[in-house]
Protein backbone atom coordinates (compact mmCIF):
# COMPACT_ATOMS: atom_id res chain seq x y z
CA MET A 1 0.00 0.00 0.00
CA MET A 2 1.44 3.34 -1.08
CA ALA A 3 2.17 5.86 1.67
CA VAL A 4 0.17 9.09 1.62
CA TRP A 5 1.41 12.33 3.10
CA SER A 6 0.81 16.03 2.88
CA ARG A 7 2.80 19.04 4.05
CA VAL A 8 0.95 21.82 5.88
CA LYS A 9 2.38 25.11 7.08
CA PHE A 10 1.81 25.78 10.76
CA MET A 11 0.33 29.22 9.98
CA ASP A 12 -2.14 27.67 7.54
CA ILE A 13 -3.72 25.36 10.12
CA PHE A 14 -7.22 26.63 10.57
CA ASP A 15 -8.00 28.06 14.02
CA GLY A 16 -9.58 25.41 16.22
CA LEU A 17 -8.52 22.26 14.37
CA ASP A 18 -6.33 19.72 16.13
CA PHE A 19 -3.14 18.16 14.77
CA ALA A 20 -4.54 14.73 13.85
CA ALA A 21 -2.89 13.66 10.58
CA GLU A 22 -6.12 12.36 9.04
CA HIS A 23 -7.49 15.92 8.98
CA TYR A 24 -4.84 16.85 6.43
CA HIS A 25 -5.19 14.01 3.94
CA PRO A 26 -4.60 15.49 0.45
CA ALA A 27 -8.03 14.40 -0.76
CA LYS A 28 -9.67 16.32 2.08
CA LEU A 29 -7.57 19.42 1.55
CA VAL A 30 -8.75 19.90 -2.05
CA ASN A 31 -10.96 23.00 -2.14
CA LEU A 32 -11.53 22.98 1.64
CA SER A 33 -9.22 25.89 2.37
CA ARG A 34 -10.82 27.91 -0.45
CA LEU A 35 -14.31 27.13 0.88
CA ILE A 36 -13.27 28.24 4.36
CA ASN A 37 -11.34 31.34 3.32
CA GLN A 38 -13.19 32.63 0.27
CA GLY A 39 -14.62 36.14 0.43
CA GLY A 40 -17.91 36.89 2.16
CA LEU A 41 -19.42 37.15 5.60
CA TYR A 42 -18.52 34.72 8.33
CA VAL A 43 -21.41 32.68 9.76
CA ASN A 44 -20.40 34.34 13.02
CA ASP A 45 -21.23 37.78 11.49
CA LEU A 46 -24.87 36.78 11.03
CA VAL A 47 -25.54 34.65 14.10
CA LYS A 48 -24.52 34.22 17.68
CA PRO A 49 -24.31 30.86 19.43
CA VAL A 50 -26.73 30.61 22.36
CA ARG A 51 -25.25 29.54 25.70
CA ASP A 52 -28.44 29.79 27.78
CA THR A 53 -29.73 26.80 29.71
CA CYS A 54 -33.03 26.33 31.45
CA ALA A 55 -34.70 23.89 33.77
CA PRO A 56 -37.21 21.56 32.05
CA SER A 57 -40.82 22.62 32.11
CA HIS A 58 -43.97 20.64 31.38
CA GLU A 59 -45.14 23.57 29.21
CA VAL A 60 -42.00 23.60 27.06
CA PRO A 61 -41.36 20.72 24.60
CA VAL A 62 -38.07 18.84 24.92
CA PHE A 63 -36.16 17.72 21.83
CA ASP A 64 -33.25 15.33 21.46
CA LEU A 65 -31.01 14.84 18.41
CA SER A 66 -33.51 12.65 16.56
CA ALA A 67 -36.00 15.55 16.40
CA ALA A 68 -34.01 17.32 13.67
CA HIS A 69 -34.41 14.56 11.07
CA LYS A 70 -37.00 16.53 9.03
CA HIS A 71 -34.83 19.69 9.20
CA VAL A 72 -37.83 21.58 10.57
CA LEU A 73 -38.55 21.13 14.27
CA GLN A 74 -42.06 19.91 15.03
CA VAL A 75 -43.88 19.57 18.36
CA GLU A 76 -44.79 15.98 17.53
CA ASP A 77 -41.10 15.08 17.68
CA ALA A 78 -40.77 16.25 21.28
CA TYR A 79 -39.01 13.75 23.51
CA PRO A 80 -41.43 12.26 26.07
CA ASP A 81 -38.91 12.05 28.90
CA GLU A 82 -38.43 15.34 30.79
CA ARG A 83 -36.23 14.02 33.60
CA VAL A 84 -32.95 15.53 32.39
CA SER A 85 -32.18 18.41 34.74
CA ILE A 86 -30.54 21.00 32.47
CA LYS A 87 -31.00 21.64 28.76
CA LYS A 88 -30.31 24.34 26.21
CA VAL A 89 -33.13 26.71 25.37
CA ALA A 90 -34.03 27.77 21.83
CA LEU A 91 -36.61 30.14 20.35
CA GLY A 92 -38.68 30.25 17.19
CA GLY A 93 -36.51 31.41 14.28
CA ASP A 94 -33.33 29.78 15.61
CA VAL A 95 -31.33 27.17 13.69
CA ILE A 96 -30.02 24.15 15.59
CA VAL A 97 -27.05 22.00 14.57
CA SER A 98 -25.91 18.68 16.04
CA ARG A 99 -22.25 18.68 17.01
CA LEU A 100 -21.87 14.86 16.94
CA ARG A 101 -20.15 13.11 14.04
CA SER A 102 -22.85 10.46 13.62
CA TYR A 103 -25.58 13.15 13.52
CA LEU A 104 -23.96 15.78 11.27
CA LYS A 105 -27.10 16.01 9.13
CA GLN A 106 -29.29 16.74 12.14
CA VAL A 107 -29.75 20.40 11.28
CA ALA A 108 -33.13 22.10 11.69
CA TYR A 109 -35.01 25.36 11.56
CA ILE A 110 -37.29 26.15 14.51
CA PRO A 111 -40.51 27.67 13.13
CA GLU A 112 -42.05 30.68 14.84
CA THR A 113 -44.99 28.49 15.95
CA ILE A 114 -42.63 26.90 18.49
CA GLN A 115 -41.99 29.87 20.74
CA VAL A 116 -39.64 28.12 23.20
CA ALA A 117 -37.97 24.69 23.14
CA ASN A 118 -35.70 22.79 25.51
CA LEU A 119 -32.92 20.97 23.65
CA SER A 120 -30.33 18.30 24.16
CA THR A 121 -26.97 19.79 25.10
CA GLU A 122 -25.51 18.15 21.96
CA PHE A 123 -27.14 20.87 19.86
CA ILE A 124 -25.48 24.14 18.86
CA VAL A 125 -28.14 26.87 18.83
CA LEU A 126 -27.66 29.69 16.31
CA ARG A 127 -29.68 32.90 16.66
CA SER A 128 -29.83 35.85 14.26
CA ARG A 129 -27.93 38.92 15.42
CA ASN A 130 -30.33 41.36 13.73
CA ARG A 131 -33.63 39.42 13.82
CA SER A 132 -33.50 38.71 10.08
CA SER A 133 -34.37 35.20 8.97
CA ILE A 134 -31.50 32.71 9.07
CA ALA A 135 -33.54 29.76 7.76
CA PHE A 136 -31.20 29.60 4.72
CA LEU A 137 -28.45 28.31 7.03
CA VAL A 138 -30.22 24.93 7.11
CA PRO A 139 -29.58 24.06 3.42
CA PHE A 140 -26.23 25.86 3.64
CA ILE A 141 -24.99 23.65 6.51
CA LEU A 142 -26.53 20.54 4.92
CA SER A 143 -24.70 21.12 1.63
CA GLU A 144 -21.98 18.62 0.80
CA PRO A 145 -19.01 21.06 0.96
CA ILE A 146 -19.99 22.36 4.42
CA GLN A 147 -20.73 18.84 5.69
CA THR A 148 -17.22 17.87 4.52
CA ILE A 149 -15.68 20.75 6.47
CA LEU A 150 -17.56 19.82 9.65
CA ALA A 151 -16.63 16.14 9.32
CA TRP A 152 -13.03 17.18 8.65
CA SER A 153 -12.88 19.17 11.87
CA GLN A 154 -13.86 16.36 14.24
CA ASP A 155 -12.25 16.07 17.60
CA GLY A 156 -12.68 13.40 20.26
CA ASN A 157 -12.35 9.65 19.90
CA GLU A 158 -15.24 7.91 21.64
CA HIS A 159 -17.92 10.44 20.62
CA PRO A 160 -16.35 12.60 17.89
CA ARG A 161 -17.64 16.17 17.57
CA PHE A 162 -16.82 18.95 15.17
CA ASN A 163 -15.23 22.11 16.51
CA GLU A 164 -17.84 24.86 16.91
CA LYS A 165 -15.30 27.50 15.88
CA VAL A 166 -15.06 25.91 12.46
CA LEU A 167 -18.79 26.38 11.83
CA LEU A 168 -18.75 30.00 13.02
CA HIS A 169 -15.71 30.87 10.88
CA ILE A 170 -16.96 29.36 7.61
CA THR A 171 -17.60 32.17 5.15
CA ILE A 172 -20.88 32.61 3.30
CA PRO A 173 -19.76 33.74 -0.17
CA PRO A 174 -21.59 36.50 -2.09
CA GLN A 175 -23.13 33.88 -4.42
CA VAL A 176 -24.95 32.31 -1.45
CA GLN A 177 -25.79 35.64 0.15
CA SER A 178 -27.42 36.79 -3.10
CA ILE A 179 -29.86 33.85 -3.02
CA SER A 180 -30.42 33.83 0.76
CA LYS A 181 -33.95 35.27 0.42
CA LYS A 182 -34.84 32.60 -2.12
CA LEU A 183 -33.40 29.94 0.19
CA ASN A 184 -35.36 31.34 3.13
CA ALA A 185 -38.54 31.14 1.04
CA CYS A 186 -37.83 27.49 0.18
CA VAL A 187 -37.35 26.56 3.84
CA LEU A 188 -40.53 28.40 4.89
CA LYS A 189 -42.54 26.74 2.08
CA ALA A 190 -41.13 23.40 3.20
CA THR A 191 -42.29 24.23 6.73
CA THR A 192 -45.81 24.96 5.46
CA SER A 193 -45.93 21.70 3.48
CA LEU A 194 -44.72 19.78 6.49
CA ASP A 195 -47.43 21.38 8.64
CA LYS A 196 -50.04 20.21 6.12
CA ALA A 197 -48.59 16.70 6.18
CA LEU A 198 -48.60 16.46 9.96
CA GLN A 199 -52.12 17.83 10.15
CA ALA A 200 -53.24 15.13 7.72
CA TYR A 201 -51.45 12.41 9.71
CA SER A 202 -53.24 13.67 12.80
CA GLU A 203 -56.54 13.54 10.94
CA ALA A 204 -55.82 9.94 9.95
CA GLY A 205 -55.29 9.12 13.62
CA GLN A 206 -58.72 10.52 14.48
CA LEU A 207 -60.56 9.00 11.53
CA LEU A 208 -61.37 5.64 13.15
CA PHE A 209 -62.61 7.47 16.25
CA ARG A 210 -65.08 9.40 14.07
CA GLU A 211 -66.11 6.51 11.84
CA LEU A 212 -67.02 4.29 14.80
CA GLY A 213 -69.03 7.04 16.47
CA PHE A 214 -67.02 7.25 19.67
CA VAL A 215 -67.95 9.79 22.27
CA GLU A 216 -64.88 11.37 23.84
CA LEU A 217 -62.81 8.90 25.85
CA ASP A 218 -62.50 9.44 29.57
CA LEU A 219 -58.80 9.00 30.33
CA SER A 220 -58.84 10.93 33.59
CA PRO A 221 -56.70 9.52 36.45
CA THR A 222 -58.16 7.75 39.50
CA LEU A 223 -56.60 7.92 42.94
CA PHE A 224 -57.47 4.34 43.99
CA TYR A 225 -59.32 1.30 42.66
CA ARG A 226 -59.93 -2.38 43.37
CA ARG A 227 -59.57 -5.49 41.27
CA SER A 228 -60.39 -9.08 42.15
CA TYR A 229 -57.76 -11.76 42.67
CA SER A 230 -59.38 -13.92 39.97
CA GLU A 231 -58.94 -11.07 37.46
CA THR A 232 -55.22 -10.78 38.20
CA CYS A 233 -54.87 -14.55 37.80
CA ALA A 234 -56.68 -14.48 34.46
CA THR A 235 -54.45 -11.73 33.04
CA ALA A 236 -51.24 -12.91 34.77
CA ARG A 237 -50.40 -9.30 35.56
CA LEU A 238 -49.67 -7.97 39.04
CA ASP A 239 -48.58 -4.42 38.13
CA ALA A 240 -51.14 -1.91 39.40
CA GLU A 241 -50.87 0.29 36.29
CA PHE A 242 -52.36 -2.45 34.11
CA TYR A 243 -55.66 -2.20 36.00
CA LEU A 244 -56.09 1.57 35.89
CA PRO A 245 -59.82 2.36 35.57
CA LYS A 246 -59.23 4.48 32.47
CA TYR A 247 -58.40 1.32 30.50
CA GLN A 248 -61.63 -0.30 31.65
CA ARG A 249 -63.51 2.79 30.45
CA VAL A 250 -61.78 2.58 27.05
CA LEU A 251 -62.80 -1.07 26.70
CA LYS A 252 -66.42 -0.25 27.61
CA ALA A 253 -66.49 2.61 25.10
CA LEU A 254 -65.11 0.25 22.43
CA LYS A 255 -67.82 -2.34 23.15
CA ARG A 256 -70.51 0.34 22.74
CA THR A 257 -69.51 0.61 19.05
CA ARG A 258 -70.82 -2.96 18.68
CA PRO A 259 -67.88 -4.81 17.14
CA GLU A 260 -68.52 -8.37 15.98
CA HIS A 261 -65.91 -9.41 18.53
CA ILE A 262 -62.73 -8.23 20.23
CA ALA A 263 -59.75 -10.50 19.69
CA PRO A 264 -56.04 -10.37 20.59
CA LEU A 265 -53.80 -9.08 17.82
CA GLY A 266 -51.87 -12.36 17.85
CA GLU A 267 -54.81 -14.14 16.15
CA TYR A 268 -54.21 -12.07 13.01
CA ILE A 269 -50.42 -12.18 12.91
CA SER A 270 -48.61 -14.74 10.76
CA PHE A 271 -45.10 -13.54 11.62
CA LEU A 272 -43.72 -11.43 14.48
CA THR A 273 -40.18 -10.51 15.45
CA ASN A 274 -37.88 -7.65 16.35
CA GLY A 275 -34.25 -6.96 15.57
CA HIS A 276 -31.12 -6.41 17.59
CA THR A 277 -27.98 -4.33 17.32
CA PRO A 278 -24.93 -6.29 16.11
CA LEU A 279 -22.38 -6.66 18.88
CA HIS A 280 -19.31 -4.38 18.73
CA HIS A 281 -20.52 -2.66 15.56
CA ASP A 282 -20.11 1.08 14.98
CA LEU A 283 -23.45 2.17 13.54
CA VAL A 284 -21.86 4.84 11.35
CA GLU A 285 -20.37 2.08 9.18
CA GLY A 286 -22.15 -0.09 6.64
CA ALA A 287 -24.33 0.06 3.53
CA VAL A 288 -27.70 -0.98 5.02
CA PRO A 289 -29.93 1.63 6.74
CA PHE A 290 -30.76 0.57 10.30
CA LEU A 291 -34.11 1.86 11.56
CA THR A 292 -34.86 2.48 15.24
CA ALA A 293 -37.89 3.77 17.14
CA GLU A 294 -36.72 7.26 16.15
CA ASN A 295 -37.62 6.45 12.51
CA VAL A 296 -41.14 5.06 13.01
CA PHE A 297 -44.06 7.45 13.49
CA ASP A 298 -47.83 7.14 13.26
CA PHE A 299 -48.57 6.10 9.65
CA ARG A 300 -45.05 6.78 8.33
CA ILE A 301 -41.48 5.55 8.33
CA GLU A 302 -38.47 7.84 7.91
CA TYR A 303 -35.94 5.80 5.91
CA ASP A 304 -33.31 8.54 5.94
CA THR A 305 -31.15 7.54 8.90
CA GLU A 306 -27.49 7.95 9.76
CA LYS A 307 -27.37 4.52 11.44
CA ARG A 308 -25.99 1.70 9.31
CA ILE A 309 -25.17 -2.01 9.52
CA LEU A 310 -23.01 -4.17 7.30
CA THR A 311 -24.46 -6.27 4.51
CA LYS A 312 -23.21 -9.42 6.29
CA HIS A 313 -25.38 -8.46 9.29
CA HIS A 314 -28.40 -7.82 7.05
CA LYS A 315 -28.08 -11.16 5.26
CA GLY A 316 -26.88 -13.09 8.30
CA GLU A 317 -27.89 -12.56 11.93
CA LEU A 318 -30.61 -10.02 11.01
CA LYS A 319 -32.07 -11.94 8.09
CA ARG A 320 -35.46 -12.29 9.84
CA THR A 321 -35.87 -8.52 10.09
CA GLN A 322 -35.08 -7.63 6.49
CA LEU A 323 -37.81 -5.15 5.64
CA ARG A 324 -40.27 -6.21 2.92
CA GLN A 325 -42.97 -4.29 1.10
CA GLY A 326 -46.16 -4.32 3.18
CA ASP A 327 -44.53 -5.22 6.50
CA CYS A 328 -46.12 -3.62 9.56
CA LEU A 329 -43.85 -1.90 12.08
CA ILE A 330 -44.67 -0.75 15.60
CA THR A 331 -42.39 0.86 18.17
CA ILE A 332 -42.06 -1.19 21.35
CA LYS A 333 -39.55 0.81 23.38
CA GLY A 334 -39.27 4.51 24.19
CA ARG A 335 -42.08 5.87 22.06
CA ILE A 336 -44.57 3.04 22.44
CA GLY A 337 -47.21 2.20 19.85
CA ASN A 338 -46.27 4.19 16.73
CA ALA A 339 -47.44 1.99 13.85
CA ALA A 340 -46.72 2.22 10.13
CA ILE A 341 -46.64 0.11 6.97
CA ALA A 342 -43.40 -0.31 5.03
CA GLU A 343 -44.06 1.05 1.54
CA ASP A 344 -41.73 2.46 -1.11
CA ILE A 345 -38.72 0.96 0.69
CA PRO A 346 -35.67 2.61 -0.89
CA GLY A 347 -33.53 -0.54 -0.76
CA GLN A 348 -32.08 -2.99 1.74
CA THR A 349 -33.30 -1.90 5.18
CA ASN A 350 -33.32 -3.44 8.64
CA ILE A 351 -34.58 -2.66 12.17
CA ASN A 352 -33.22 -2.77 15.70
CA GLN A 353 -34.66 -4.15 18.93
CA ASP A 354 -36.88 -1.12 19.63
CA VAL A 355 -39.14 -1.89 16.66
CA ALA A 356 -41.36 -4.93 16.13
CA LEU A 357 -42.07 -6.26 12.64
CA PHE A 358 -45.19 -8.31 11.92
CA ARG A 359 -47.10 -9.62 8.94
CA LEU A 360 -50.87 -10.06 8.89
CA ARG A 361 -53.03 -12.99 7.96
CA GLU A 362 -55.81 -12.55 5.42
CA GLY A 363 -58.99 -10.94 6.72
CA LEU A 364 -57.67 -7.88 8.55
CA PRO A 365 -57.07 -4.87 6.26
CA PRO A 366 -53.63 -3.42 7.10
CA TYR A 367 -54.79 0.19 6.93
CA TYR A 368 -57.71 -0.58 9.23
CA LEU A 369 -55.29 -2.01 11.78
CA LEU A 370 -53.03 1.02 11.30
CA ALA A 371 -55.97 3.38 11.94
CA TYR A 372 -56.88 1.37 15.04
CA LEU A 373 -53.38 1.17 16.56
CA ASN A 374 -52.69 4.88 15.97
CA SER A 375 -56.05 5.99 17.37
CA SER A 376 -56.52 7.08 20.98
CA VAL A 377 -58.05 3.64 21.64
CA GLY A 378 -55.07 1.75 20.24
CA LYS A 379 -52.62 4.04 22.05
CA ALA A 380 -54.43 3.43 25.34
CA PHE A 381 -54.15 -0.35 24.97
CA SER A 382 -50.48 -0.11 23.92
CA ASN A 383 -49.78 1.84 27.11
CA GLN A 384 -51.77 -0.63 29.20
CA TYR A 385 -49.98 -3.72 27.93
CA CYS A 386 -46.44 -2.33 28.09
CA THR A 387 -44.29 -2.96 31.17
CA GLY A 388 -41.94 -0.67 33.07
CA GLN A 389 -42.86 2.88 33.99
CA ILE A 390 -39.40 4.45 33.80
CA ASN A 391 -38.42 2.73 30.52
CA PRO A 392 -41.68 1.49 28.95
CA PHE A 393 -41.38 -1.70 26.90
CA LEU A 394 -44.05 -3.50 24.89
CA GLY A 395 -42.73 -7.05 24.66
CA LEU A 396 -43.67 -9.25 21.71
CA GLY A 397 -45.77 -11.48 23.96
CA ASN A 398 -47.78 -8.52 25.24
CA LEU A 399 -48.04 -7.08 21.72
CA ARG A 400 -49.86 -10.26 20.70
CA LEU A 401 -52.40 -9.64 23.48
CA LEU A 402 -53.49 -6.14 22.38
CA PRO A 403 -57.31 -6.12 22.08
CA ILE A 404 -58.41 -5.49 18.48
CA ALA A 405 -62.04 -4.65 17.66
CA ILE A 406 -63.27 -6.61 14.63
CA TYR A 407 -66.20 -5.33 12.56
CA SER A 408 -67.78 -6.49 9.32
CA PRO A 409 -65.31 -6.74 6.40
CA LYS A 410 -67.21 -4.00 4.55
CA ARG A 411 -66.93 -1.58 7.48
CA MET A 412 -63.24 -2.28 8.05
CA GLU A 413 -62.45 -1.94 4.34
CA SER A 414 -64.25 1.42 4.26
CA ILE A 415 -62.21 2.71 7.21
CA ALA A 416 -59.03 1.32 5.62
CA ALA A 417 -59.73 3.08 2.29
CA LYS A 418 -60.45 6.44 3.93
CA THR A 419 -57.38 6.16 6.13
CA ARG A 420 -55.14 5.31 3.19
CA GLU A 421 -56.48 8.28 1.19
CA VAL A 422 -55.62 10.72 4.00
CA VAL A 423 -52.20 9.11 4.55
CA MET A 424 -51.38 9.36 0.83
CA PHE A 425 -52.19 13.09 0.90
CA ALA A 426 -49.98 13.49 3.96
CA ARG A 427 -47.10 11.67 2.27
CA SER A 428 -47.46 13.86 -0.81
CA ALA A 429 -47.21 17.02 1.31
CA HIS A 430 -44.29 15.51 3.23
CA ASP A 431 -42.50 14.66 -0.02
CA GLU A 432 -43.05 18.24 -1.21
CA SER A 433 -41.39 19.51 1.97
CA ARG A 434 -38.39 17.25 1.38
CA ARG A 435 -38.22 18.28 -2.28
CA LEU A 436 -38.11 21.97 -1.39
CA LEU A 437 -35.33 21.45 1.14
CA GLU A 438 -33.35 19.35 -1.32
CA GLU A 439 -33.84 22.01 -3.99
CA ALA A 440 -32.49 24.64 -1.59
CA LYS A 441 -29.50 22.45 -0.75
CA GLN A 442 -28.71 21.95 -4.44
CA MET A 443 -28.85 25.72 -5.03
CA VAL A 444 -26.30 26.19 -2.26
CA GLU A 445 -24.02 23.47 -3.65
CA GLU A 446 -24.13 24.98 -7.13
CA ALA A 447 -23.22 28.37 -5.69
CA LEU A 448 -20.41 26.98 -3.50
CA LEU A 449 -18.88 24.56 -6.00
CA GLY A 450 -19.19 27.04 -8.85
CA ASN A 451 -17.22 29.50 -6.76
CA VAL A 452 -14.25 27.20 -6.20
CA LYS A 453 -13.82 25.80 -9.70
């Protein structure tokens, strides 16, 4: 193997970078210095990094790194666990950037509709110095040349991060500044399209509730309650949470809709499993996307993930969880009960242990089941049958026991068709949001790369 070396003047080493040799590989040095030092404003001239922290509040949504996957922060992506004592605070109009190597593409704009947000400390929060919109920084930072610079400036071994000074000292050339308003408009249009998509997904979640004529569910808490010993023996559950009266009220409300019968989900499943994470594998390496609970939402799957496994894992130890068209996924750890159908799979894809994969027998329309599981009724039962209050877990055995209301085939097919129609509209709006952001990123790349040729 031929040796590779490069010679770098001490004075030319960019402020903030360390002396690791891999940072100065000749292939990485091509155009990087010109991209860093070309004329224009520094990022630091337009924004200021936010150092504020705040105590968590039940009124303020909390977001971890996974929340930035759509590049527009949304309340629905708020992290359910508020036990972390100190977090960064961000405001509507800010741009947030992950500093971790494995999450470099976790960059997002915070829309004005989110007035205040608590964030993971692994985010860098950028705020406009003069209150002008800085939404264009999202496609700018996501562009390939800037991503290369950030990856190039990593420091740390166990959890590599890029140096914040590098981001602040990158220059925004005149070519990008001249289209910043157009880029801002793209990001804001993408935000609007995403809002439409999420509203439609929410409507799909309420559709079954409407179609079955439910009155509003009573999920209010009860201070104390009694259950018979014979009932605990029949269910083989001794945890008090399982017998909360609100779940009994949900079951009674479900029976008032006059289903033909209520059966455990296991009766309609032909195949059920979940994955695992390959031992001693760095999830930034590999060719096969590796989905976790962070990628599965009500009615949709986000296939764009930074986590990867090797092809030998996909075809070997994780062969059972190779994703196929039409597979049903449901989250069983962390965010419990988010269900979606695998459609338009972009290629080889697999799942980890926080997601269950199942395939249905004939007779139960998949989109009916999806509407049921993602409804307030389905969510209530998912919460009832999971175990562990600190780290909720819906084991495969308990997943099989979820009560499913069965109606006439005609009624279930009607609900399935209406649900699918709403979900398809939501996906179309979601795709439009992604298209606009990708278009903005391409405009930035054309401006940047055209400037260094």
